[in-house]
Amino acid sequence: MLFTDEDFVNIVPQDLLERGINLREKLGFYEIAWRFDDVMDVLKITRDKGMIILGGEVYRLSGNKPVITCDGWYTDKGDDDAFEVAIQYITKYRARNGDDFIYYPAIGPRPVSK
């Protein structure tokens, strides 16, 4: 189960939440995407809280409106290495394409061991 935009209210600080772009209002997706510096903070916070990341999506900003790029990343590692995959992907994407992009990290709770 991945977190939706409403779940992030209980995960990240309010100021970081407010800087995110809610994709529900713009595109109908129950997600929040952030600019480069903020998504790096989101990744650190969620990793420190023991959550997992499975991948993410990239959106181009046209004015303040997100546009689907069909770019993204996926990993099945489900551990700290998965966060490193996300950090490397986002960092390289920004270096190649510039700052007019936002990033949605697909994050969820760590599964409970049986």
PDB file of N, CA and C in Angstrom:
ATOM      1  N   MET A   1       0.840  -1.175   0.000  1.00  0.00           N
ATOM      2  CA  MET A   1       0.000   0.000   0.000  1.00  0.00           C
ATOM      3  C   MET A   1       0.890   1.246   0.000  1.00  0.00           C
ATOM      4  N   LEU A   2       0.662   2.128  -0.938  1.00  0.00           N
ATOM      5  CA  LEU A   2       1.417   3.373  -1.023  1.00  0.00           C
ATOM      6  C   LEU A   2       0.654   4.492  -0.327  1.00  0.00           C
ATOM      7  N   PHE A   3       1.403   5.467   0.158  1.00  0.00           N
ATOM      8  CA  PHE A   3       0.773   6.616   0.795  1.00  0.00           C
ATOM      9  C   PHE A   3       0.113   7.501  -0.255  1.00  0.00           C
ATOM     10  N   THR A   4      -1.014   8.095   0.123  1.00  0.00           N
ATOM     11  CA  THR A   4      -1.683   9.068  -0.732  1.00  0.00           C
ATOM     12  C   THR A   4      -1.330  10.467  -0.254  1.00  0.00           C
ATOM     13  N   ASP A   5      -1.837  11.456  -0.951  1.00  0.00           N
ATOM     14  CA  ASP A   5      -1.564  12.841  -0.562  1.00  0.00           C
ATOM     15  C   ASP A   5      -1.992  13.112   0.878  1.00  0.00           C
ATOM     16  N   GLU A   6      -3.089  12.542   1.327  1.00  0.00           N
ATOM     17  CA  GLU A   6      -3.572  12.785   2.694  1.00  0.00           C
ATOM     18  C   GLU A   6      -2.679  12.154   3.753  1.00  0.00           C
ATOM     19  N   ASP A   7      -2.019  11.047   3.436  1.00  0.00           N
ATOM     20  CA  ASP A   7      -1.130  10.386   4.392  1.00  0.00           C
ATOM     21  C   ASP A   7       0.082  11.241   4.737  1.00  0.00           C
ATOM     22  N   PHE A   8       0.543  12.039   3.778  1.00  0.00           N
ATOM     23  CA  PHE A   8       1.743  12.842   4.011  1.00  0.00           C
ATOM     24  C   PHE A   8       1.541  13.909   5.077  1.00  0.00           C
ATOM     25  N   VAL A   9       0.281  14.229   5.412  1.00  0.00           N
ATOM     26  CA  VAL A   9      -0.012  15.195   6.481  1.00  0.00           C
ATOM     27  C   VAL A   9       0.613  14.726   7.794  1.00  0.00           C
ATOM     28  N   ASN A  10       0.650  13.423   8.006  1.00  0.00           N
ATOM     29  CA  ASN A  10       1.185  12.857   9.244  1.00  0.00           C
ATOM     30  C   ASN A  10       2.645  12.440   9.134  1.00  0.00           C
ATOM     31  N   ILE A  11       3.269  12.708   8.008  1.00  0.00           N
ATOM     32  CA  ILE A  11       4.629  12.221   7.779  1.00  0.00           C
ATOM     33  C   ILE A  11       5.649  13.351   7.692  1.00  0.00           C
ATOM     34  N   VAL A  12       5.341  14.393   6.939  1.00  0.00           N
ATOM     35  CA  VAL A  12       6.305  15.479   6.735  1.00  0.00           C
ATOM     36  C   VAL A  12       5.833  16.742   7.448  1.00  0.00           C
ATOM     37  N   PRO A  13       6.759  17.636   7.788  1.00  0.00           N
ATOM     38  CA  PRO A  13       6.377  18.896   8.439  1.00  0.00           C
ATOM     39  C   PRO A  13       5.442  19.737   7.564  1.00  0.00           C
ATOM     40  N   GLN A  14       4.633  20.538   8.205  1.00  0.00           N
ATOM     41  CA  GLN A  14       3.623  21.342   7.531  1.00  0.00           C
ATOM     42  C   GLN A  14       4.227  22.245   6.447  1.00  0.00           C
ATOM     43  N   ASP A  15       5.354  22.899   6.730  1.00  0.00           N
ATOM     44  CA  ASP A  15       5.939  23.804   5.737  1.00  0.00           C
ATOM     45  C   ASP A  15       6.373  23.050   4.477  1.00  0.00           C
ATOM     46  N   LEU A  16       6.889  21.848   4.645  1.00  0.00           N
ATOM     47  CA  LEU A  16       7.279  21.023   3.506  1.00  0.00           C
ATOM     48  C   LEU A  16       6.040  20.543   2.751  1.00  0.00           C
ATOM     49  N   LEU A  17       5.021  20.202   3.471  1.00  0.00           N
ATOM     50  CA  LEU A  17       3.758  19.795   2.865  1.00  0.00           C
ATOM     51  C   LEU A  17       3.169  20.917   2.013  1.00  0.00           C
ATOM     52  N   GLU A  18       3.227  22.135   2.527  1.00  0.00           N
ATOM     53  CA  GLU A  18       2.668  23.287   1.816  1.00  0.00           C
ATOM     54  C   GLU A  18       3.446  23.632   0.550  1.00  0.00           C
ATOM     55  N   ARG A  19       4.729  23.307   0.507  1.00  0.00           N
ATOM     56  CA  ARG A  19       5.532  23.577  -0.697  1.00  0.00           C
ATOM     57  C   ARG A  19       5.315  22.524  -1.781  1.00  0.00           C
ATOM     58  N   GLY A  20       4.706  21.404  -1.421  1.00  0.00           N
ATOM     59  CA  GLY A  20       4.414  20.364  -2.392  1.00  0.00           C
ATOM     60  C   GLY A  20       3.279  20.780  -3.310  1.00  0.00           C
ATOM     61  N   ILE A  21       3.207  20.137  -4.444  1.00  0.00           N
ATOM     62  CA  ILE A  21       2.134  20.398  -5.405  1.00  0.00           C
ATOM     63  C   ILE A  21       1.197  19.197  -5.379  1.00  0.00           C
ATOM     64  N   ASN A  22      -0.029  19.466  -4.939  1.00  0.00           N
ATOM     65  CA  ASN A  22      -1.012  18.408  -4.820  1.00  0.00           C
ATOM     66  C   ASN A  22      -1.531  18.044  -6.211  1.00  0.00           C
ATOM     67  N   LEU A  23      -1.260  16.833  -6.632  1.00  0.00           N
ATOM     68  CA  LEU A  23      -1.630  16.402  -7.982  1.00  0.00           C
ATOM     69  C   LEU A  23      -3.099  16.015  -8.084  1.00  0.00           C
ATOM     70  N   ARG A  24      -3.774  15.878  -6.950  1.00  0.00           N
ATOM     71  CA  ARG A  24      -5.203  15.566  -6.980  1.00  0.00           C
ATOM     72  C   ARG A  24      -5.971  16.702  -7.625  1.00  0.00           C
ATOM     73  N   GLU A  25      -5.634  17.908  -7.231  1.00  0.00           N
ATOM     74  CA  GLU A  25      -6.330  19.083  -7.758  1.00  0.00           C
ATOM     75  C   GLU A  25      -5.997  19.336  -9.222  1.00  0.00           C
ATOM     76  N   LYS A  26      -4.776  19.061  -9.621  1.00  0.00           N
ATOM     77  CA  LYS A  26      -4.313  19.389 -10.966  1.00  0.00           C
ATOM     78  C   LYS A  26      -4.529  18.267 -11.981  1.00  0.00           C
ATOM     79  N   LEU A  27      -4.302  17.002 -11.539  1.00  0.00           N
ATOM     80  CA  LEU A  27      -4.340  15.883 -12.481  1.00  0.00           C
ATOM     81  C   LEU A  27      -5.277  14.748 -12.055  1.00  0.00           C
ATOM     82  N   GLY A  28      -5.812  14.821 -10.848  1.00  0.00           N
ATOM     83  CA  GLY A  28      -6.692  13.767 -10.366  1.00  0.00           C
ATOM     84  C   GLY A  28      -5.975  12.600  -9.710  1.00  0.00           C
ATOM     85  N   PHE A  29      -4.657  12.726  -9.468  1.00  0.00           N
ATOM     86  CA  PHE A  29      -3.885  11.682  -8.799  1.00  0.00           C
ATOM     87  C   PHE A  29      -3.806  12.014  -7.309  1.00  0.00           C
ATOM     88  N   TYR A  30      -3.933  11.022  -6.456  1.00  0.00           N
ATOM     89  CA  TYR A  30      -3.876  11.231  -5.007  1.00  0.00           C
ATOM     90  C   TYR A  30      -2.412  11.227  -4.557  1.00  0.00           C
ATOM     91  N   GLU A  31      -1.650  12.165  -5.080  1.00  0.00           N
ATOM     92  CA  GLU A  31      -0.209  12.239  -4.855  1.00  0.00           C
ATOM     93  C   GLU A  31       0.206  13.685  -4.623  1.00  0.00           C
ATOM     94  N   ILE A  32       1.382  13.836  -4.033  1.00  0.00           N
ATOM     95  CA  ILE A  32       2.018  15.145  -3.890  1.00  0.00           C
ATOM     96  C   ILE A  32       3.403  15.035  -4.509  1.00  0.00           C
ATOM     97  N   ALA A  33       3.782  16.031  -5.282  1.00  0.00           N
ATOM     98  CA  ALA A  33       5.114  16.073  -5.881  1.00  0.00           C
ATOM     99  C   ALA A  33       5.823  17.324  -5.387  1.00  0.00           C
ATOM    100  N   TRP A  34       7.141  17.235  -5.323  1.00  0.00           N
ATOM    101  CA  TRP A  34       7.943  18.342  -4.813  1.00  0.00           C
ATOM    102  C   TRP A  34       9.064  18.684  -5.775  1.00  0.00           C
ATOM    103  N   ARG A  35       9.528  19.929  -5.679  1.00  0.00           N
ATOM    104  CA  ARG A  35      10.733  20.357  -6.403  1.00  0.00           C
ATOM    105  C   ARG A  35      11.938  19.620  -5.814  1.00  0.00           C
ATOM    106  N   PHE A  36      13.068  19.741  -6.486  1.00  0.00           N
ATOM    107  CA  PHE A  36      14.262  18.963  -6.162  1.00  0.00           C
ATOM    108  C   PHE A  36      14.641  19.014  -4.679  1.00  0.00           C
ATOM    109  N   ASP A  37      14.909  20.192  -4.138  1.00  0.00           N
ATOM    110  CA  ASP A  37      15.386  20.273  -2.754  1.00  0.00           C
ATOM    111  C   ASP A  37      14.376  19.690  -1.777  1.00  0.00           C
ATOM    112  N   ASP A  38      13.098  19.964  -2.013  1.00  0.00           N
ATOM    113  CA  ASP A  38      12.071  19.477  -1.096  1.00  0.00           C
ATOM    114  C   ASP A  38      11.883  17.967  -1.192  1.00  0.00           C
ATOM    115  N   VAL A  39      11.949  17.403  -2.397  1.00  0.00           N
ATOM    116  CA  VAL A  39      11.783  15.951  -2.497  1.00  0.00           C
ATOM    117  C   VAL A  39      12.956  15.238  -1.830  1.00  0.00           C
ATOM    118  N   MET A  40      14.138  15.847  -1.855  1.00  0.00           N
ATOM    119  CA  MET A  40      15.276  15.250  -1.150  1.00  0.00           C
ATOM    120  C   MET A  40      15.011  15.218   0.357  1.00  0.00           C
ATOM    121  N   ASP A  41      14.389  16.277   0.883  1.00  0.00           N
ATOM    122  CA  ASP A  41      14.009  16.289   2.301  1.00  0.00           C
ATOM    123  C   ASP A  41      12.956  15.227   2.595  1.00  0.00           C
ATOM    124  N   VAL A  42      11.977  15.089   1.714  1.00  0.00           N
ATOM    125  CA  VAL A  42      10.930  14.071   1.897  1.00  0.00           C
ATOM    126  C   VAL A  42      11.555  12.674   1.926  1.00  0.00           C
ATOM    127  N   LEU A  43      12.482  12.421   1.022  1.00  0.00           N
ATOM    128  CA  LEU A  43      13.148  11.119   0.987  1.00  0.00           C
ATOM    129  C   LEU A  43      13.906  10.846   2.276  1.00  0.00           C
ATOM    130  N   LYS A  44      14.615  11.842   2.776  1.00  0.00           N
ATOM    131  CA  LYS A  44      15.371  11.665   4.020  1.00  0.00           C
ATOM    132  C   LYS A  44      14.434  11.410   5.197  1.00  0.00           C
ATOM    133  N   ILE A  45      13.381  12.188   5.305  1.00  0.00           N
ATOM    134  CA  ILE A  45      12.435  12.043   6.413  1.00  0.00           C
ATOM    135  C   ILE A  45      11.794  10.658   6.399  1.00  0.00           C
ATOM    136  N   THR A  46      11.322  10.231   5.241  1.00  0.00           N
ATOM    137  CA  THR A  46      10.639   8.940   5.181  1.00  0.00           C
ATOM    138  C   THR A  46      11.608   7.773   5.393  1.00  0.00           C
ATOM    139  N   ARG A  47      12.827   7.894   4.900  1.00  0.00           N
ATOM    140  CA  ARG A  47      13.832   6.851   5.158  1.00  0.00           C
ATOM    141  C   ARG A  47      14.128   6.769   6.648  1.00  0.00           C
ATOM    142  N   ASP A  48      14.296   7.932   7.291  1.00  0.00           N
ATOM    143  CA  ASP A  48      14.585   7.961   8.726  1.00  0.00           C
ATOM    144  C   ASP A  48      13.434   7.400   9.561  1.00  0.00           C
ATOM    145  N   LYS A  49      12.228   7.454   9.019  1.00  0.00           N
ATOM    146  CA  LYS A  49      11.057   6.913   9.725  1.00  0.00           C
ATOM    147  C   LYS A  49      10.820   5.439   9.399  1.00  0.00           C
ATOM    148  N   GLY A  50      11.728   4.829   8.645  1.00  0.00           N
ATOM    149  CA  GLY A  50      11.643   3.403   8.369  1.00  0.00           C
ATOM    150  C   GLY A  50      10.658   3.005   7.294  1.00  0.00           C
ATOM    151  N   MET A  51      10.323   3.920   6.419  1.00  0.00           N
ATOM    152  CA  MET A  51       9.385   3.626   5.340  1.00  0.00           C
ATOM    153  C   MET A  51      10.132   3.061   4.142  1.00  0.00           C
ATOM    154  N   ILE A  52       9.386   2.605   3.137  1.00  0.00           N
ATOM    155  CA  ILE A  52      10.007   2.063   1.930  1.00  0.00           C
ATOM    156  C   ILE A  52       9.629   2.921   0.731  1.00  0.00           C
ATOM    157  N   ILE A  53      10.463   2.866  -0.286  1.00  0.00           N
ATOM    158  CA  ILE A  53      10.168   3.550  -1.544  1.00  0.00           C
ATOM    159  C   ILE A  53      10.244   2.521  -2.663  1.00  0.00           C
ATOM    160  N   LEU A  54       9.247   2.585  -3.540  1.00  0.00           N
ATOM    161  CA  LEU A  54       9.189   1.633  -4.648  1.00  0.00           C
ATOM    162  C   LEU A  54       9.521   2.271  -5.983  1.00  0.00           C
ATOM    163  N   GLY A  55       9.558   3.595  -6.031  1.00  0.00           N
ATOM    164  CA  GLY A  55       9.840   4.292  -7.273  1.00  0.00           C
ATOM    165  C   GLY A  55       9.263   5.686  -7.229  1.00  0.00           C
ATOM    166  N   GLY A  56       8.950   6.223  -8.382  1.00  0.00           N
ATOM    167  CA  GLY A  56       8.374   7.550  -8.420  1.00  0.00           C
ATOM    168  C   GLY A  56       8.173   8.029  -9.844  1.00  0.00           C
ATOM    169  N   GLU A  57       7.605   9.214  -9.943  1.00  0.00           N
ATOM    170  CA  GLU A  57       7.283   9.801 -11.238  1.00  0.00           C
ATOM    171  C   GLU A  57       7.794  11.233 -11.305  1.00  0.00           C
ATOM    172  N   VAL A  58       8.016  11.681 -12.532  1.00  0.00           N
ATOM    173  CA  VAL A  58       8.498  13.032 -12.791  1.00  0.00           C
ATOM    174  C   VAL A  58       7.421  13.789 -13.562  1.00  0.00           C
ATOM    175  N   TYR A  59       7.193  15.036 -13.175  1.00  0.00           N
ATOM    176  CA  TYR A  59       6.256  15.917 -13.871  1.00  0.00           C
ATOM    177  C   TYR A  59       6.978  17.199 -14.234  1.00  0.00           C
ATOM    178  N   ARG A  60       6.708  17.704 -15.431  1.00  0.00           N
ATOM    179  CA  ARG A  60       7.259  19.000 -15.850  1.00  0.00           C
ATOM    180  C   ARG A  60       6.291  20.078 -15.406  1.00  0.00           C
ATOM    181  N   LEU A  61       6.833  21.193 -14.945  1.00  0.00           N
ATOM    182  CA  LEU A  61       5.987  22.318 -14.578  1.00  0.00           C
ATOM    183  C   LEU A  61       5.874  23.276 -15.750  1.00  0.00           C
ATOM    184  N   SER A  62       4.652  23.545 -16.140  1.00  0.00           N
ATOM    185  CA  SER A  62       4.356  24.535 -17.163  1.00  0.00           C
ATOM    186  C   SER A  62       3.599  25.644 -16.459  1.00  0.00           C
ATOM    187  N   GLY A  63       4.316  26.734 -16.129  1.00  0.00           N
ATOM    188  CA  GLY A  63       3.757  27.714 -15.205  1.00  0.00           C
ATOM    189  C   GLY A  63       3.752  27.053 -13.843  1.00  0.00           C
ATOM    190  N   ASN A  64       2.597  26.910 -13.243  1.00  0.00           N
ATOM    191  CA  ASN A  64       2.489  26.178 -11.980  1.00  0.00           C
ATOM    192  C   ASN A  64       1.684  24.897 -12.171  1.00  0.00           C
ATOM    193  N   LYS A  65       1.469  24.511 -13.431  1.00  0.00           N
ATOM    194  CA  LYS A  65       0.675  23.320 -13.729  1.00  0.00           C
ATOM    195  C   LYS A  65       1.594  22.148 -14.065  1.00  0.00           C
ATOM    196  N   PRO A  66       1.409  21.005 -13.376  1.00  0.00           N
ATOM    197  CA  PRO A  66       2.216  19.829 -13.696  1.00  0.00           C
ATOM    198  C   PRO A  66       1.739  19.156 -14.980  1.00  0.00           C
ATOM    199  N   VAL A  67       2.708  18.702 -15.763  1.00  0.00           N
ATOM    200  CA  VAL A  67       2.433  18.004 -17.019  1.00  0.00           C
ATOM    201  C   VAL A  67       3.112  16.641 -16.939  1.00  0.00           C
ATOM    202  N   ILE A  68       2.384  15.598 -17.299  1.00  0.00           N
ATOM    203  CA  ILE A  68       2.925  14.240 -17.254  1.00  0.00           C
ATOM    204  C   ILE A  68       4.079  14.109 -18.247  1.00  0.00           C
ATOM    205  N   THR A  69       5.205  13.560 -17.784  1.00  0.00           N
ATOM    206  CA  THR A  69       6.367  13.354 -18.660  1.00  0.00           C
ATOM    207  C   THR A  69       6.517  11.897 -19.093  1.00  0.00           C
ATOM    208  N   CYS A  70       5.858  10.994 -18.390  1.00  0.00           N
ATOM    209  CA  CYS A  70       6.032   9.543 -18.596  1.00  0.00           C
ATOM    210  C   CYS A  70       7.429   9.086 -18.176  1.00  0.00           C
ATOM    211  N   ASP A  71       8.139   9.908 -17.413  1.00  0.00           N
ATOM    212  CA  ASP A  71       9.445   9.545 -16.874  1.00  0.00           C
ATOM    213  C   ASP A  71       9.269   9.138 -15.417  1.00  0.00           C
ATOM    214  N   GLY A  72      10.060   8.180 -14.998  1.00  0.00           N
ATOM    215  CA  GLY A  72      10.000   7.747 -13.614  1.00  0.00           C
ATOM    216  C   GLY A  72      10.993   6.638 -13.359  1.00  0.00           C
ATOM    217  N   TRP A  73      10.969   6.134 -12.159  1.00  0.00           N
ATOM    218  CA  TRP A  73      11.891   5.080 -11.775  1.00  0.00           C
ATOM    219  C   TRP A  73      11.143   4.059 -10.935  1.00  0.00           C
ATOM    220  N   TYR A  74      11.720   2.868 -10.842  1.00  0.00           N
ATOM    221  CA  TYR A  74      11.125   1.772 -10.096  1.00  0.00           C
ATOM    222  C   TYR A  74      12.254   0.944  -9.499  1.00  0.00           C
ATOM    223  N   THR A  75      12.025   0.452  -8.307  1.00  0.00           N
ATOM    224  CA  THR A  75      12.966  -0.484  -7.708  1.00  0.00           C
ATOM    225  C   THR A  75      12.182  -1.481  -6.873  1.00  0.00           C
ATOM    226  N   ASP A  76      12.688  -2.684  -6.797  1.00  0.00           N
ATOM    227  CA  ASP A  76      12.052  -3.690  -5.950  1.00  0.00           C
ATOM    228  C   ASP A  76      12.907  -3.992  -4.724  1.00  0.00           C
ATOM    229  N   LYS A  77      13.879  -3.129  -4.465  1.00  0.00           N
ATOM    230  CA  LYS A  77      14.789  -3.360  -3.343  1.00  0.00           C
ATOM    231  C   LYS A  77      14.105  -3.195  -1.992  1.00  0.00           C
ATOM    232  N   GLY A  78      13.260  -2.168  -1.842  1.00  0.00           N
ATOM    233  CA  GLY A  78      12.498  -1.994  -0.617  1.00  0.00           C
ATOM    234  C   GLY A  78      13.324  -1.740   0.629  1.00  0.00           C
ATOM    235  N   ASP A  79      14.534  -1.221   0.503  1.00  0.00           N
ATOM    236  CA  ASP A  79      15.359  -0.927   1.676  1.00  0.00           C
ATOM    237  C   ASP A  79      16.091   0.393   1.436  1.00  0.00           C
ATOM    238  N   ASP A  80      17.118   0.657   2.232  1.00  0.00           N
ATOM    239  CA  ASP A  80      17.846   1.913   2.074  1.00  0.00           C
ATOM    240  C   ASP A  80      18.444   2.069   0.674  1.00  0.00           C
ATOM    241  N   ASP A  81      18.809   0.964   0.029  1.00  0.00           N
ATOM    242  CA  ASP A  81      19.331   1.043  -1.339  1.00  0.00           C
ATOM    243  C   ASP A  81      18.298   1.633  -2.291  1.00  0.00           C
ATOM    244  N   ALA A  82      17.023   1.379  -2.022  1.00  0.00           N
ATOM    245  CA  ALA A  82      15.963   1.923  -2.870  1.00  0.00           C
ATOM    246  C   ALA A  82      15.924   3.445  -2.762  1.00  0.00           C
ATOM    247  N   PHE A  83      16.196   3.984  -1.586  1.00  0.00           N
ATOM    248  CA  PHE A  83      16.258   5.439  -1.434  1.00  0.00           C
ATOM    249  C   PHE A  83      17.440   5.994  -2.213  1.00  0.00           C
ATOM    250  N   GLU A  84      18.557   5.279  -2.215  1.00  0.00           N
ATOM    251  CA  GLU A  84      19.717   5.718  -2.985  1.00  0.00           C
ATOM    252  C   GLU A  84      19.416   5.705  -4.478  1.00  0.00           C
ATOM    253  N   VAL A  85      18.665   4.710  -4.944  1.00  0.00           N
ATOM    254  CA  VAL A  85      18.242   4.660  -6.348  1.00  0.00           C
ATOM    255  C   VAL A  85      17.429   5.910  -6.670  1.00  0.00           C
ATOM    256  N   ALA A  86      16.499   6.272  -5.796  1.00  0.00           N
ATOM    257  CA  ALA A  86      15.661   7.453  -6.004  1.00  0.00           C
ATOM    258  C   ALA A  86      16.495   8.725  -6.025  1.00  0.00           C
ATOM    259  N   ILE A  87      17.389   8.864  -5.074  1.00  0.00           N
ATOM    260  CA  ILE A  87      18.234  10.059  -4.990  1.00  0.00           C
ATOM    261  C   ILE A  87      19.094  10.192  -6.251  1.00  0.00           C
ATOM    262  N   GLN A  88      19.685   9.097  -6.688  1.00  0.00           N
ATOM    263  CA  GLN A  88      20.527   9.138  -7.894  1.00  0.00           C
ATOM    264  C   GLN A  88      19.705   9.464  -9.136  1.00  0.00           C
ATOM    265  N   TYR A  89      18.531   8.845  -9.253  1.00  0.00           N
ATOM    266  CA  TYR A  89      17.691   9.095 -10.428  1.00  0.00           C
ATOM    267  C   TYR A  89      17.287  10.568 -10.491  1.00  0.00           C
ATOM    268  N   ILE A  90      16.781  11.085  -9.376  1.00  0.00           N
ATOM    269  CA  ILE A  90      16.305  12.471  -9.346  1.00  0.00           C
ATOM    270  C   ILE A  90      17.458  13.444  -9.590  1.00  0.00           C
ATOM    271  N   THR A  91      18.595  13.193  -8.986  1.00  0.00           N
ATOM    272  CA  THR A  91      19.759  14.065  -9.148  1.00  0.00           C
ATOM    273  C   THR A  91      20.222  14.085 -10.610  1.00  0.00           C
ATOM    274  N   LYS A  92      20.304  12.921 -11.229  1.00  0.00           N
ATOM    275  CA  LYS A  92      20.715  12.850 -12.642  1.00  0.00           C
ATOM    276  C   LYS A  92      19.671  13.477 -13.558  1.00  0.00           C
ATOM    277  N   TYR A  93      18.400  13.262 -13.233  1.00  0.00           N
ATOM    278  CA  TYR A  93      17.329  13.834 -14.053  1.00  0.00           C
ATOM    279  C   TYR A  93      17.408  15.356 -14.042  1.00  0.00           C
ATOM    280  N   ARG A  94      17.603  15.904 -12.867  1.00  0.00           N
ATOM    281  CA  ARG A  94      17.724  17.369 -12.742  1.00  0.00           C
ATOM    282  C   ARG A  94      18.946  17.882 -13.508  1.00  0.00           C
ATOM    283  N   ALA A  95      20.079  17.184 -13.397  1.00  0.00           N
ATOM    284  CA  ALA A  95      21.300  17.609 -14.086  1.00  0.00           C
ATOM    285  C   ALA A  95      21.104  17.615 -15.607  1.00  0.00           C
ATOM    286  N   ARG A  96      20.352  16.651 -16.122  1.00  0.00           N
ATOM    287  CA  ARG A  96      20.119  16.552 -17.570  1.00  0.00           C
ATOM    288  C   ARG A  96      19.037  17.511 -18.069  1.00  0.00           C
ATOM    289  N   ASN A  97      18.030  17.773 -17.216  1.00  0.00           N
ATOM    290  CA  ASN A  97      16.828  18.453 -17.707  1.00  0.00           C
ATOM    291  C   ASN A  97      16.511  19.799 -17.067  1.00  0.00           C
ATOM    292  N   GLY A  98      17.181  20.153 -15.989  1.00  0.00           N
ATOM    293  CA  GLY A  98      16.944  21.451 -15.371  1.00  0.00           C
ATOM    294  C   GLY A  98      15.974  21.406 -14.200  1.00  0.00           C
ATOM    295  N   ASP A  99      15.550  22.597 -13.791  1.00  0.00           N
ATOM    296  CA  ASP A  99      14.770  22.744 -12.557  1.00  0.00           C
ATOM    297  C   ASP A  99      13.263  22.848 -12.747  1.00  0.00           C
ATOM    298  N   ASP A 100      12.766  22.746 -13.956  1.00  0.00           N
ATOM    299  CA  ASP A 100      11.326  22.912 -14.184  1.00  0.00           C
ATOM    300  C   ASP A 100      10.554  21.608 -14.013  1.00  0.00           C
ATOM    301  N   PHE A 101      10.952  20.817 -13.016  1.00  0.00           N
ATOM    302  CA  PHE A 101      10.331  19.514 -12.800  1.00  0.00           C
ATOM    303  C   PHE A 101      10.025  19.310 -11.317  1.00  0.00           C
ATOM    304  N   ILE A 102       9.015  18.482 -11.078  1.00  0.00           N
ATOM    305  CA  ILE A 102       8.686  18.058  -9.718  1.00  0.00           C
ATOM    306  C   ILE A 102       8.685  16.536  -9.707  1.00  0.00           C
ATOM    307  N   TYR A 103       8.840  15.972  -8.507  1.00  0.00           N
ATOM    308  CA  TYR A 103       9.036  14.537  -8.370  1.00  0.00           C
ATOM    309  C   TYR A 103       8.085  13.978  -7.322  1.00  0.00           C
ATOM    310  N   TYR A 104       7.390  12.914  -7.692  1.00  0.00           N
ATOM    311  CA  TYR A 104       6.516  12.212  -6.762  1.00  0.00           C
ATOM    312  C   TYR A 104       7.200  10.912  -6.347  1.00  0.00           C
ATOM    313  N   PRO A 105       7.572  10.773  -5.072  1.00  0.00           N
ATOM    314  CA  PRO A 105       8.141   9.515  -4.607  1.00  0.00           C
ATOM    315  C   PRO A 105       7.024   8.570  -4.146  1.00  0.00           C
ATOM    316  N   ALA A 106       7.019   7.356  -4.678  1.00  0.00           N
ATOM    317  CA  ALA A 106       6.025   6.346  -4.284  1.00  0.00           C
ATOM    318  C   ALA A 106       6.520   5.656  -3.014  1.00  0.00           C
ATOM    319  N   ILE A 107       5.980   6.120  -1.886  1.00  0.00           N
ATOM    320  CA  ILE A 107       6.458   5.696  -0.568  1.00  0.00           C
ATOM    321  C   ILE A 107       5.317   5.013   0.180  1.00  0.00           C
ATOM    322  N   GLY A 108       5.676   4.014   0.958  1.00  0.00           N
ATOM    323  CA  GLY A 108       4.688   3.319   1.758  1.00  0.00           C
ATOM    324  C   GLY A 108       5.292   2.826   3.071  1.00  0.00           C
ATOM    325  N   PRO A 109       4.452   2.280   3.926  1.00  0.00           N
ATOM    326  CA  PRO A 109       4.966   1.736   5.191  1.00  0.00           C
ATOM    327  C   PRO A 109       5.747   0.459   4.936  1.00  0.00           C
ATOM    328  N   ARG A 110       6.702   0.209   5.789  1.00  0.00           N
ATOM    329  CA  ARG A 110       7.462  -1.045   5.687  1.00  0.00           C
ATOM    330  C   ARG A 110       6.526  -2.189   6.067  1.00  0.00           C
ATOM    331  N   PRO A 111       6.480  -3.252   5.265  1.00  0.00           N
ATOM    332  CA  PRO A 111       5.603  -4.376   5.590  1.00  0.00           C
ATOM    333  C   PRO A 111       5.985  -5.013   6.930  1.00  0.00           C
ATOM    334  N   VAL A 112       4.998  -5.471   7.640  1.00  0.00           N
ATOM    335  CA  VAL A 112       5.226  -6.144   8.911  1.00  0.00           C
ATOM    336  C   VAL A 112       5.638  -7.576   8.637  1.00  0.00           C
ATOM    337  N   SER A 113       6.738  -8.011   9.260  1.00  0.00           N
ATOM    338  CA  SER A 113       7.204  -9.385   9.085  1.00  0.00           C
ATOM    339  C   SER A 113       6.262 -10.341   9.775  1.00  0.00           C
ATOM    340  N   LYS A 114       6.068 -11.505   9.141  1.00  0.00           N
ATOM    341  CA  LYS A 114       5.172 -12.519   9.740  1.00  0.00           C
ATOM    342  C   LYS A 114       5.958 -13.536  10.520  1.00  0.00           C
TER     343      LYS A 114
END
